[in-house]
C-alpha cells in the first residue's frame, strides 16, 4: 500500500560555481539525511535561461537580455518538518534574486 512519506525531495538549480556552497547550506539546515548518512545529494548539469526585467536586480546578466548559465540541479531528501528552514537557508545563500526551488512530495511503499 502507498502512503504519503514524511520526506519530500527538494530540488534547486544553482550556478555551477555556487553548487558546493549550496550543498553545504542544505546539509547544515538538516536536508540530505538518509538513515545513517548525511550530506546526501544528487546533481546533474543543466543550462538555465532567463531574461531580467526592468525591476530585477540580477547577480548574473543584464536587464532585458536573455542569459544562459551553466547550472547544477541539486536534489536532496528533507523531512517535512525542516522544509521551511531549509528553503529559507537556501534563499539566503543563493546568488539568484529568484532561485528556482522545487518541493516534491514522496510516497512510501
PDB file of N, CA and C in Angstrom:
ATOM      1  N   UNK A   1       0.842  -1.186   0.000  1.00  0.00           N
ATOM      2  CA  UNK A   1       0.000   0.000   0.000  1.00  0.00           C
ATOM      3  C   UNK A   1       0.886   1.248   0.000  1.00  0.00           C
ATOM      4  N   UNK A   2       0.514   2.250  -0.761  1.00  0.00           N
ATOM      5  CA  UNK A   2       1.262   3.508  -0.821  1.00  0.00           C
ATOM      6  C   UNK A   2       0.784   4.458   0.267  1.00  0.00           C
ATOM      7  N   UNK A   3       1.737   5.108   0.899  1.00  0.00           N
ATOM      8  CA  UNK A   3       1.427   6.101   1.926  1.00  0.00           C
ATOM      9  C   UNK A   3       2.264   7.349   1.678  1.00  0.00           C
ATOM     10  N   UNK A   4       1.723   8.472   2.092  1.00  0.00           N
ATOM     11  CA  UNK A   4       2.467   9.729   1.991  1.00  0.00           C
ATOM     12  C   UNK A   4       3.705   9.643   2.875  1.00  0.00           C
ATOM     13  N   UNK A   5       4.838  10.026   2.365  1.00  0.00           N
ATOM     14  CA  UNK A   5       6.094   9.990   3.110  1.00  0.00           C
ATOM     15  C   UNK A   5       6.215  11.194   4.031  1.00  0.00           C
ATOM     16  N   UNK A   6       7.025  11.056   5.069  1.00  0.00           N
ATOM     17  CA  UNK A   6       7.373  12.185   5.933  1.00  0.00           C
ATOM     18  C   UNK A   6       8.531  12.982   5.353  1.00  0.00           C
ATOM     19  N   UNK A   7       8.978  12.583   4.154  1.00  0.00           N
ATOM     20  CA  UNK A   7      10.079  13.261   3.484  1.00  0.00           C
ATOM     21  C   UNK A   7       9.615  13.793   2.138  1.00  0.00           C
ATOM     22  N   UNK A   8      10.200  14.893   1.725  1.00  0.00           N
ATOM     23  CA  UNK A   8       9.998  15.447   0.390  1.00  0.00           C
ATOM     24  C   UNK A   8      11.363  15.483  -0.292  1.00  0.00           C
ATOM     25  N   UNK A   9      11.344  15.704  -1.576  1.00  0.00           N
ATOM     26  CA  UNK A   9      12.590  15.929  -2.299  1.00  0.00           C
ATOM     27  C   UNK A   9      12.644  17.422  -2.615  1.00  0.00           C
ATOM     28  N   UNK A  10      13.737  18.046  -2.254  1.00  0.00           N
ATOM     29  CA  UNK A  10      13.966  19.453  -2.593  1.00  0.00           C
ATOM     30  C   UNK A  10      14.950  19.478  -3.745  1.00  0.00           C
ATOM     31  N   UNK A  11      14.599  20.242  -4.756  1.00  0.00           N
ATOM     32  CA  UNK A  11      15.442  20.364  -5.951  1.00  0.00           C
ATOM     33  C   UNK A  11      15.695  21.846  -6.169  1.00  0.00           C
ATOM     34  N   UNK A  12      16.964  22.208  -6.332  1.00  0.00           N
ATOM     35  CA  UNK A  12      17.331  23.616  -6.522  1.00  0.00           C
ATOM     36  C   UNK A  12      18.359  23.739  -7.638  1.00  0.00           C
ATOM     37  N   UNK A  13      18.132  24.701  -8.526  1.00  0.00           N
ATOM     38  CA  UNK A  13      19.073  24.996  -9.603  1.00  0.00           C
ATOM     39  C   UNK A  13      19.991  26.125  -9.141  1.00  0.00           C
ATOM     40  N   UNK A  14      21.294  25.940  -9.367  1.00  0.00           N
ATOM     41  CA  UNK A  14      22.276  26.913  -8.894  1.00  0.00           C
ATOM     42  C   UNK A  14      23.439  26.965  -9.888  1.00  0.00           C
ATOM     43  N   UNK A  15      24.044  28.140 -10.099  1.00  0.00           N
ATOM     44  CA  UNK A  15      25.227  28.174 -10.960  1.00  0.00           C
ATOM     45  C   UNK A  15      26.280  27.187 -10.450  1.00  0.00           C
ATOM     46  N   UNK A  16      26.979  26.539 -11.364  1.00  0.00           N
ATOM     47  CA  UNK A  16      27.985  25.538 -11.002  1.00  0.00           C
ATOM     48  C   UNK A  16      28.974  26.114  -9.980  1.00  0.00           C
ATOM     49  N   UNK A  17      29.317  27.367 -10.127  1.00  0.00           N
ATOM     50  CA  UNK A  17      30.298  27.995  -9.230  1.00  0.00           C
ATOM     51  C   UNK A  17      29.825  28.058  -7.768  1.00  0.00           C
ATOM     52  N   UNK A  18      28.533  27.951  -7.528  1.00  0.00           N
ATOM     53  CA  UNK A  18      27.985  28.049  -6.175  1.00  0.00           C
ATOM     54  C   UNK A  18      27.422  26.720  -5.658  1.00  0.00           C
ATOM     55  N   UNK A  19      27.538  25.657  -6.437  1.00  0.00           N
ATOM     56  CA  UNK A  19      26.906  24.381  -6.091  1.00  0.00           C
ATOM     57  C   UNK A  19      27.439  23.796  -4.780  1.00  0.00           C
ATOM     58  N   UNK A  20      28.735  23.803  -4.573  1.00  0.00           N
ATOM     59  CA  UNK A  20      29.294  23.237  -3.336  1.00  0.00           C
ATOM     60  C   UNK A  20      28.785  23.981  -2.111  1.00  0.00           C
ATOM     61  N   UNK A  21      28.699  25.289  -2.195  1.00  0.00           N
ATOM     62  CA  UNK A  21      28.204  26.073  -1.067  1.00  0.00           C
ATOM     63  C   UNK A  21      26.744  25.750  -0.776  1.00  0.00           C
ATOM     64  N   UNK A  22      25.916  25.637  -1.804  1.00  0.00           N
ATOM     65  CA  UNK A  22      24.508  25.324  -1.590  1.00  0.00           C
ATOM     66  C   UNK A  22      24.360  23.926  -0.987  1.00  0.00           C
ATOM     67  N   UNK A  23      25.187  22.970  -1.409  1.00  0.00           N
ATOM     68  CA  UNK A  23      25.149  21.638  -0.791  1.00  0.00           C
ATOM     69  C   UNK A  23      25.462  21.736   0.709  1.00  0.00           C
ATOM     70  N   UNK A  24      26.441  22.556   1.074  1.00  0.00           N
ATOM     71  CA  UNK A  24      26.786  22.749   2.490  1.00  0.00           C
ATOM     72  C   UNK A  24      25.626  23.375   3.255  1.00  0.00           C
ATOM     73  N   UNK A  25      24.980  24.365   2.650  1.00  0.00           N
ATOM     74  CA  UNK A  25      23.841  25.041   3.278  1.00  0.00           C
ATOM     75  C   UNK A  25      22.686  24.057   3.477  1.00  0.00           C
ATOM     76  N   UNK A  26      22.392  23.257   2.459  1.00  0.00           N
ATOM     77  CA  UNK A  26      21.329  22.254   2.567  1.00  0.00           C
ATOM     78  C   UNK A  26      21.607  21.308   3.730  1.00  0.00           C
ATOM     79  N   UNK A  27      22.825  20.809   3.805  1.00  0.00           N
ATOM     80  CA  UNK A  27      23.195  19.866   4.864  1.00  0.00           C
ATOM     81  C   UNK A  27      23.141  20.516   6.243  1.00  0.00           C
ATOM     82  N   UNK A  28      23.672  21.721   6.361  1.00  0.00           N
ATOM     83  CA  UNK A  28      23.681  22.417   7.649  1.00  0.00           C
ATOM     84  C   UNK A  28      22.267  22.686   8.163  1.00  0.00           C
ATOM     85  N   UNK A  29      21.314  22.871   7.237  1.00  0.00           N
ATOM     86  CA  UNK A  29      19.924  23.135   7.625  1.00  0.00           C
ATOM     87  C   UNK A  29      19.152  21.844   7.904  1.00  0.00           C
ATOM     88  N   UNK A  30      19.772  20.686   7.666  1.00  0.00           N
ATOM     89  CA  UNK A  30      19.148  19.412   8.010  1.00  0.00           C
ATOM     90  C   UNK A  30      18.672  18.577   6.846  1.00  0.00           C
ATOM     91  N   UNK A  31      18.822  19.052   5.625  1.00  0.00           N
ATOM     92  CA  UNK A  31      18.430  18.269   4.455  1.00  0.00           C
ATOM     93  C   UNK A  31      19.557  17.301   4.099  1.00  0.00           C
ATOM     94  N   UNK A  32      19.217  16.293   3.296  1.00  0.00           N
ATOM     95  CA  UNK A  32      20.235  15.363   2.820  1.00  0.00           C
ATOM     96  C   UNK A  32      20.590  14.263   3.799  1.00  0.00           C
ATOM     97  N   UNK A  33      19.738  14.008   4.789  1.00  0.00           N
ATOM     98  CA  UNK A  33      19.954  12.888   5.727  1.00  0.00           C
ATOM     99  C   UNK A  33      19.169  11.682   5.238  1.00  0.00           C
ATOM    100  N   UNK A  34      19.834  10.554   5.154  1.00  0.00           N
ATOM    101  CA  UNK A  34      19.197   9.303   4.763  1.00  0.00           C
ATOM    102  C   UNK A  34      19.714   8.215   5.693  1.00  0.00           C
ATOM    103  N   UNK A  35      18.871   7.785   6.616  1.00  0.00           N
ATOM    104  CA  UNK A  35      19.277   6.761   7.569  1.00  0.00           C
ATOM    105  C   UNK A  35      20.503   7.187   8.356  1.00  0.00           C
ATOM    106  N   UNK A  36      21.571   6.400   8.267  1.00  0.00           N
ATOM    107  CA  UNK A  36      22.806   6.678   8.999  1.00  0.00           C
ATOM    108  C   UNK A  36      23.802   7.514   8.199  1.00  0.00           C
ATOM    109  N   UNK A  37      23.324   8.267   7.224  1.00  0.00           N
ATOM    110  CA  UNK A  37      24.190   9.085   6.375  1.00  0.00           C
ATOM    111  C   UNK A  37      23.674  10.514   6.349  1.00  0.00           C
ATOM    112  N   UNK A  38      24.594  11.458   6.175  1.00  0.00           N
ATOM    113  CA  UNK A  38      24.183  12.837   5.930  1.00  0.00           C
ATOM    114  C   UNK A  38      24.967  13.364   4.736  1.00  0.00           C
ATOM    115  N   UNK A  39      24.701  14.597   4.364  1.00  0.00           N
ATOM    116  CA  UNK A  39      25.336  15.246   3.211  1.00  0.00           C
ATOM    117  C   UNK A  39      25.050  14.468   1.917  1.00  0.00           C
ATOM    118  N   UNK A  40      23.870  13.803   1.877  1.00  0.00           N
ATOM    119  CA  UNK A  40      23.473  13.019   0.698  1.00  0.00           C
ATOM    120  C   UNK A  40      22.787  13.934  -0.311  1.00  0.00           C
ATOM    121  N   UNK A  41      23.207  13.848  -1.559  1.00  0.00           N
ATOM    122  CA  UNK A  41      22.570  14.626  -2.624  1.00  0.00           C
ATOM    123  C   UNK A  41      22.904  13.996  -3.957  1.00  0.00           C
ATOM    124  N   UNK A  42      22.164  14.408  -4.943  1.00  0.00           N
ATOM    125  CA  UNK A  42      22.472  14.063  -6.322  1.00  0.00           C
ATOM    126  C   UNK A  42      22.421  15.335  -7.131  1.00  0.00           C
ATOM    127  N   UNK A  43      23.094  15.343  -8.251  1.00  0.00           N
ATOM    128  CA  UNK A  43      23.032  16.542  -9.081  1.00  0.00           C
ATOM    129  C   UNK A  43      23.260  16.182 -10.538  1.00  0.00           C
ATOM    130  N   UNK A  44      22.795  17.065 -11.371  1.00  0.00           N
ATOM    131  CA  UNK A  44      23.037  16.941 -12.799  1.00  0.00           C
ATOM    132  C   UNK A  44      23.243  18.333 -13.369  1.00  0.00           C
ATOM    133  N   UNK A  45      23.984  18.387 -14.447  1.00  0.00           N
ATOM    134  CA  UNK A  45      24.253  19.670 -15.097  1.00  0.00           C
ATOM    135  C   UNK A  45      23.066  20.044 -15.987  1.00  0.00           C
ATOM    136  N   UNK A  46      22.819  21.329 -16.090  1.00  0.00           N
ATOM    137  CA  UNK A  46      21.787  21.856 -16.979  1.00  0.00           C
ATOM    138  C   UNK A  46      22.166  23.272 -17.382  1.00  0.00           C
ATOM    139  N   UNK A  47      21.442  23.801 -18.339  1.00  0.00           N
ATOM    140  CA  UNK A  47      21.615  25.194 -18.743  1.00  0.00           C
ATOM    141  C   UNK A  47      20.361  25.942 -18.326  1.00  0.00           C
ATOM    142  N   UNK A  48      20.527  26.954 -17.495  1.00  0.00           N
ATOM    143  CA  UNK A  48      19.414  27.812 -17.088  1.00  0.00           C
ATOM    144  C   UNK A  48      19.329  29.005 -18.022  1.00  0.00           C
ATOM    145  N   UNK A  49      18.108  29.419 -18.334  1.00  0.00           N
ATOM    146  CA  UNK A  49      17.877  30.571 -19.215  1.00  0.00           C
ATOM    147  C   UNK A  49      16.898  31.521 -18.555  1.00  0.00           C
ATOM    148  N   UNK A  50      17.157  32.814 -18.685  1.00  0.00           N
ATOM    149  CA  UNK A  50      16.267  33.823 -18.114  1.00  0.00           C
ATOM    150  C   UNK A  50      16.565  35.180 -18.740  1.00  0.00           C
ATOM    151  N   UNK A  51      15.594  36.096 -18.601  1.00  0.00           N
ATOM    152  CA  UNK A  51      15.793  37.471 -19.039  1.00  0.00           C
ATOM    153  C   UNK A  51      15.349  38.379 -17.902  1.00  0.00           C
ATOM    154  N   UNK A  52      16.272  39.116 -17.288  1.00  0.00           N
ATOM    155  CA  UNK A  52      15.900  40.035 -16.220  1.00  0.00           C
ATOM    156  C   UNK A  52      15.028  41.180 -16.756  1.00  0.00           C
ATOM    157  N   UNK A  53      13.907  41.407 -16.085  1.00  0.00           N
ATOM    158  CA  UNK A  53      13.021  42.513 -16.438  1.00  0.00           C
ATOM    159  C   UNK A  53      13.498  43.800 -15.770  1.00  0.00           C
ATOM    160  N   UNK A  54      12.878  44.907 -16.109  1.00  0.00           N
ATOM    161  CA  UNK A  54      13.365  46.222 -15.664  1.00  0.00           C
ATOM    162  C   UNK A  54      13.440  46.359 -14.143  1.00  0.00           C
ATOM    163  N   UNK A  55      12.593  45.652 -13.392  1.00  0.00           N
ATOM    164  CA  UNK A  55      12.590  45.761 -11.928  1.00  0.00           C
ATOM    165  C   UNK A  55      13.617  44.840 -11.267  1.00  0.00           C
ATOM    166  N   UNK A  56      14.236  43.954 -12.027  1.00  0.00           N
ATOM    167  CA  UNK A  56      15.147  42.954 -11.479  1.00  0.00           C
ATOM    168  C   UNK A  56      16.470  43.568 -11.029  1.00  0.00           C
ATOM    169  N   UNK A  57      17.107  42.848 -10.112  1.00  0.00           N
ATOM    170  CA  UNK A  57      18.463  43.185  -9.667  1.00  0.00           C
ATOM    171  C   UNK A  57      19.307  41.932  -9.851  1.00  0.00           C
ATOM    172  N   UNK A  58      19.622  41.581 -11.103  1.00  0.00           N
ATOM    173  CA  UNK A  58      20.297  40.308 -11.370  1.00  0.00           C
ATOM    174  C   UNK A  58      21.737  40.272 -10.872  1.00  0.00           C
ATOM    175  N   UNK A  59      22.113  39.130 -10.287  1.00  0.00           N
ATOM    176  CA  UNK A  59      23.510  38.935  -9.910  1.00  0.00           C
ATOM    177  C   UNK A  59      24.315  38.478 -11.118  1.00  0.00           C
ATOM    178  N   UNK A  60      23.615  37.927 -12.101  1.00  0.00           N
ATOM    179  CA  UNK A  60      24.223  37.496 -13.362  1.00  0.00           C
ATOM    180  C   UNK A  60      23.381  38.081 -14.487  1.00  0.00           C
ATOM    181  N   UNK A  61      24.010  38.642 -15.481  1.00  0.00           N
ATOM    182  CA  UNK A  61      23.279  39.122 -16.646  1.00  0.00           C
ATOM    183  C   UNK A  61      22.913  40.597 -16.585  1.00  0.00           C
ATOM    184  N   UNK A  62      22.229  41.028 -17.630  1.00  0.00           N
ATOM    185  CA  UNK A  62      21.843  42.431 -17.780  1.00  0.00           C
ATOM    186  C   UNK A  62      20.348  42.527 -18.062  1.00  0.00           C
ATOM    187  N   UNK A  63      19.752  43.611 -17.611  1.00  0.00           N
ATOM    188  CA  UNK A  63      18.330  43.864 -17.812  1.00  0.00           C
ATOM    189  C   UNK A  63      17.992  43.767 -19.305  1.00  0.00           C
ATOM    190  N   UNK A  64      16.921  43.033 -19.608  1.00  0.00           N
ATOM    191  CA  UNK A  64      16.412  42.951 -20.970  1.00  0.00           C
ATOM    192  C   UNK A  64      17.136  41.986 -21.891  1.00  0.00           C
ATOM    193  N   UNK A  65      18.191  41.336 -21.425  1.00  0.00           N
ATOM    194  CA  UNK A  65      18.958  40.425 -22.281  1.00  0.00           C
ATOM    195  C   UNK A  65      18.814  38.982 -21.790  1.00  0.00           C
ATOM    196  N   UNK A  66      18.501  38.077 -22.715  1.00  0.00           N
ATOM    197  CA  UNK A  66      18.396  36.668 -22.358  1.00  0.00           C
ATOM    198  C   UNK A  66      19.786  36.152 -21.992  1.00  0.00           C
ATOM    199  N   UNK A  67      19.850  35.491 -20.851  1.00  0.00           N
ATOM    200  CA  UNK A  67      21.114  34.958 -20.347  1.00  0.00           C
ATOM    201  C   UNK A  67      21.042  33.435 -20.290  1.00  0.00           C
ATOM    202  N   UNK A  68      22.177  32.806 -20.406  1.00  0.00           N
ATOM    203  CA  UNK A  68      22.281  31.369 -20.172  1.00  0.00           C
ATOM    204  C   UNK A  68      23.377  31.148 -19.133  1.00  0.00           C
ATOM    205  N   UNK A  69      23.128  30.213 -18.230  1.00  0.00           N
ATOM    206  CA  UNK A  69      24.062  29.937 -17.149  1.00  0.00           C
ATOM    207  C   UNK A  69      24.197  28.423 -16.991  1.00  0.00           C
ATOM    208  N   UNK A  70      25.432  27.935 -16.925  1.00  0.00           N
ATOM    209  CA  UNK A  70      25.639  26.523 -16.613  1.00  0.00           C
ATOM    210  C   UNK A  70      25.335  26.330 -15.142  1.00  0.00           C
ATOM    211  N   UNK A  71      24.402  25.411 -14.881  1.00  0.00           N
ATOM    212  CA  UNK A  71      23.923  25.198 -13.526  1.00  0.00           C
ATOM    213  C   UNK A  71      24.041  23.724 -13.139  1.00  0.00           C
ATOM    214  N   UNK A  72      23.965  23.492 -11.828  1.00  0.00           N
ATOM    215  CA  UNK A  72      23.742  22.155 -11.295  1.00  0.00           C
ATOM    216  C   UNK A  72      22.340  22.148 -10.715  1.00  0.00           C
ATOM    217  N   UNK A  73      21.616  21.082 -10.968  1.00  0.00           N
ATOM    218  CA  UNK A  73      20.317  20.857 -10.363  1.00  0.00           C
ATOM    219  C   UNK A  73      20.559  19.867  -9.221  1.00  0.00           C
ATOM    220  N   UNK A  74      20.499  20.368  -7.994  1.00  0.00           N
ATOM    221  CA  UNK A  74      20.817  19.569  -6.811  1.00  0.00           C
ATOM    222  C   UNK A  74      19.519  19.049  -6.206  1.00  0.00           C
ATOM    223  N   UNK A  75      19.521  17.754  -5.851  1.00  0.00           N
ATOM    224  CA  UNK A  75      18.361  17.129  -5.232  1.00  0.00           C
ATOM    225  C   UNK A  75      18.758  16.520  -3.893  1.00  0.00           C
ATOM    226  N   UNK A  76      17.914  16.741  -2.882  1.00  0.00           N
ATOM    227  CA  UNK A  76      18.135  16.169  -1.555  1.00  0.00           C
ATOM    228  C   UNK A  76      16.797  15.746  -0.959  1.00  0.00           C
ATOM    229  N   UNK A  77      16.846  14.763  -0.063  1.00  0.00           N
ATOM    230  CA  UNK A  77      15.671  14.437   0.735  1.00  0.00           C
ATOM    231  C   UNK A  77      15.631  15.374   1.927  1.00  0.00           C
ATOM    232  N   UNK A  78      14.408  15.660   2.379  1.00  0.00           N
ATOM    233  CA  UNK A  78      14.252  16.557   3.523  1.00  0.00           C
ATOM    234  C   UNK A  78      12.997  16.169   4.287  1.00  0.00           C
ATOM    235  N   UNK A  79      13.123  16.047   5.603  1.00  0.00           N
ATOM    236  CA  UNK A  79      11.950  15.774   6.429  1.00  0.00           C
ATOM    237  C   UNK A  79      11.009  16.972   6.330  1.00  0.00           C
ATOM    238  N   UNK A  80       9.708  16.703   6.280  1.00  0.00           N
ATOM    239  CA  UNK A  80       8.741  17.793   6.080  1.00  0.00           C
ATOM    240  C   UNK A  80       8.803  18.840   7.187  1.00  0.00           C
ATOM    241  N   UNK A  81       9.212  18.457   8.389  1.00  0.00           N
ATOM    242  CA  UNK A  81       9.310  19.423   9.489  1.00  0.00           C
ATOM    243  C   UNK A  81      10.441  20.434   9.288  1.00  0.00           C
ATOM    244  N   UNK A  82      11.379  20.146   8.383  1.00  0.00           N
ATOM    245  CA  UNK A  82      12.536  21.030   8.159  1.00  0.00           C
ATOM    246  C   UNK A  82      12.442  21.843   6.868  1.00  0.00           C
ATOM    247  N   UNK A  83      11.407  21.625   6.069  1.00  0.00           N
ATOM    248  CA  UNK A  83      11.343  22.235   4.741  1.00  0.00           C
ATOM    249  C   UNK A  83      11.451  23.758   4.794  1.00  0.00           C
ATOM    250  N   UNK A  84      10.677  24.390   5.646  1.00  0.00           N
ATOM    251  CA  UNK A  84      10.700  25.867   5.710  1.00  0.00           C
ATOM    252  C   UNK A  84      12.096  26.377   6.066  1.00  0.00           C
ATOM    253  N   UNK A  85      12.713  25.774   7.068  1.00  0.00           N
ATOM    254  CA  UNK A  85      14.066  26.166   7.495  1.00  0.00           C
ATOM    255  C   UNK A  85      15.064  25.982   6.353  1.00  0.00           C
ATOM    256  N   UNK A  86      14.984  24.844   5.657  1.00  0.00           N
ATOM    257  CA  UNK A  86      15.921  24.547   4.571  1.00  0.00           C
ATOM    258  C   UNK A  86      15.741  25.537   3.424  1.00  0.00           C
ATOM    259  N   UNK A  87      14.501  25.789   3.014  1.00  0.00           N
ATOM    260  CA  UNK A  87      14.251  26.710   1.895  1.00  0.00           C
ATOM    261  C   UNK A  87      14.717  28.124   2.256  1.00  0.00           C
ATOM    262  N   UNK A  88      14.456  28.565   3.465  1.00  0.00           N
ATOM    263  CA  UNK A  88      14.923  29.898   3.889  1.00  0.00           C
ATOM    264  C   UNK A  88      16.446  29.983   3.852  1.00  0.00           C
ATOM    265  N   UNK A  89      17.130  28.937   4.284  1.00  0.00           N
ATOM    266  CA  UNK A  89      18.596  28.926   4.276  1.00  0.00           C
ATOM    267  C   UNK A  89      19.129  28.961   2.848  1.00  0.00           C
ATOM    268  N   UNK A  90      18.514  28.203   1.954  1.00  0.00           N
ATOM    269  CA  UNK A  90      18.946  28.200   0.553  1.00  0.00           C
ATOM    270  C   UNK A  90      18.729  29.578  -0.065  1.00  0.00           C
ATOM    271  N   UNK A  91      17.575  30.174   0.161  1.00  0.00           N
ATOM    272  CA  UNK A  91      17.304  31.510  -0.397  1.00  0.00           C
ATOM    273  C   UNK A  91      18.307  32.544   0.103  1.00  0.00           C
ATOM    274  N   UNK A  92      18.692  32.450   1.370  1.00  0.00           N
ATOM    275  CA  UNK A  92      19.651  33.411   1.938  1.00  0.00           C
ATOM    276  C   UNK A  92      21.037  33.259   1.330  1.00  0.00           C
ATOM    277  N   UNK A  93      21.407  32.032   0.932  1.00  0.00           N
ATOM    278  CA  UNK A  93      22.750  31.770   0.406  1.00  0.00           C
ATOM    279  C   UNK A  93      22.832  31.763  -1.116  1.00  0.00           C
ATOM    280  N   UNK A  94      21.705  31.688  -1.775  1.00  0.00           N
ATOM    281  CA  UNK A  94      21.671  31.523  -3.235  1.00  0.00           C
ATOM    282  C   UNK A  94      22.029  32.839  -3.929  1.00  0.00           C
ATOM    283  N   UNK A  95      22.817  32.781  -5.009  1.00  0.00           N
ATOM    284  CA  UNK A  95      23.197  34.014  -5.691  1.00  0.00           C
ATOM    285  C   UNK A  95      22.072  34.647  -6.517  1.00  0.00           C
ATOM    286  N   UNK A  96      21.048  33.872  -6.882  1.00  0.00           N
ATOM    287  CA  UNK A  96      19.959  34.426  -7.699  1.00  0.00           C
ATOM    288  C   UNK A  96      18.961  35.199  -6.843  1.00  0.00           C
ATOM    289  N   UNK A  97      18.432  36.262  -7.421  1.00  0.00           N
ATOM    290  CA  UNK A  97      17.381  37.030  -6.771  1.00  0.00           C
ATOM    291  C   UNK A  97      16.116  36.180  -6.594  1.00  0.00           C
ATOM    292  N   UNK A  98      15.824  35.334  -7.573  1.00  0.00           N
ATOM    293  CA  UNK A  98      14.648  34.455  -7.566  1.00  0.00           C
ATOM    294  C   UNK A  98      15.088  33.016  -7.846  1.00  0.00           C
ATOM    295  N   UNK A  99      15.635  32.300  -6.856  1.00  0.00           N
ATOM    296  CA  UNK A  99      16.103  30.935  -7.130  1.00  0.00           C
ATOM    297  C   UNK A  99      14.945  29.986  -7.439  1.00  0.00           C
ATOM    298  N   UNK A 100      15.203  29.039  -8.329  1.00  0.00           N
ATOM    299  CA  UNK A 100      14.225  28.003  -8.660  1.00  0.00           C
ATOM    300  C   UNK A 100      14.384  26.867  -7.664  1.00  0.00           C
ATOM    301  N   UNK A 101      13.382  26.715  -6.794  1.00  0.00           N
ATOM    302  CA  UNK A 101      13.393  25.670  -5.772  1.00  0.00           C
ATOM    303  C   UNK A 101      12.088  24.885  -5.894  1.00  0.00           C
ATOM    304  N   UNK A 102      12.203  23.581  -6.116  1.00  0.00           N
ATOM    305  CA  UNK A 102      11.031  22.703  -6.192  1.00  0.00           C
ATOM    306  C   UNK A 102      10.964  21.850  -4.932  1.00  0.00           C
ATOM    307  N   UNK A 103       9.747  21.652  -4.435  1.00  0.00           N
ATOM    308  CA  UNK A 103       9.498  20.776  -3.292  1.00  0.00           C
ATOM    309  C   UNK A 103       8.535  19.705  -3.788  1.00  0.00           C
ATOM    310  N   UNK A 104       9.036  18.465  -3.879  1.00  0.00           N
ATOM    311  CA  UNK A 104       8.275  17.375  -4.478  1.00  0.00           C
ATOM    312  C   UNK A 104       7.832  16.374  -3.415  1.00  0.00           C
ATOM    313  N   UNK A 105       6.542  16.031  -3.383  1.00  0.00           N
ATOM    314  CA  UNK A 105       6.082  15.027  -2.420  1.00  0.00           C
ATOM    315  C   UNK A 105       6.623  13.645  -2.784  1.00  0.00           C
ATOM    316  N   UNK A 106       6.667  12.757  -1.776  1.00  0.00           N
ATOM    317  CA  UNK A 106       7.140  11.384  -1.989  1.00  0.00           C
ATOM    318  C   UNK A 106       6.137  10.415  -1.395  1.00  0.00           C
ATOM    319  N   UNK A 107       6.152   9.216  -1.922  1.00  0.00           N
ATOM    320  CA  UNK A 107       5.316   8.142  -1.408  1.00  0.00           C
ATOM    321  C   UNK A 107       6.212   7.045  -0.859  1.00  0.00           C
ATOM    322  N   UNK A 108       5.709   6.331   0.137  1.00  0.00           N
ATOM    323  CA  UNK A 108       6.411   5.194   0.715  1.00  0.00           C
ATOM    324  C   UNK A 108       5.645   3.921   0.371  1.00  0.00           C
ATOM    325  N   UNK A 109       6.365   2.836   0.179  1.00  0.00           N
ATOM    326  CA  UNK A 109       5.734   1.538  -0.075  1.00  0.00           C
ATOM    327  C   UNK A 109       5.911   0.668   1.157  1.00  0.00           C
TER     328      UNK A 109
END
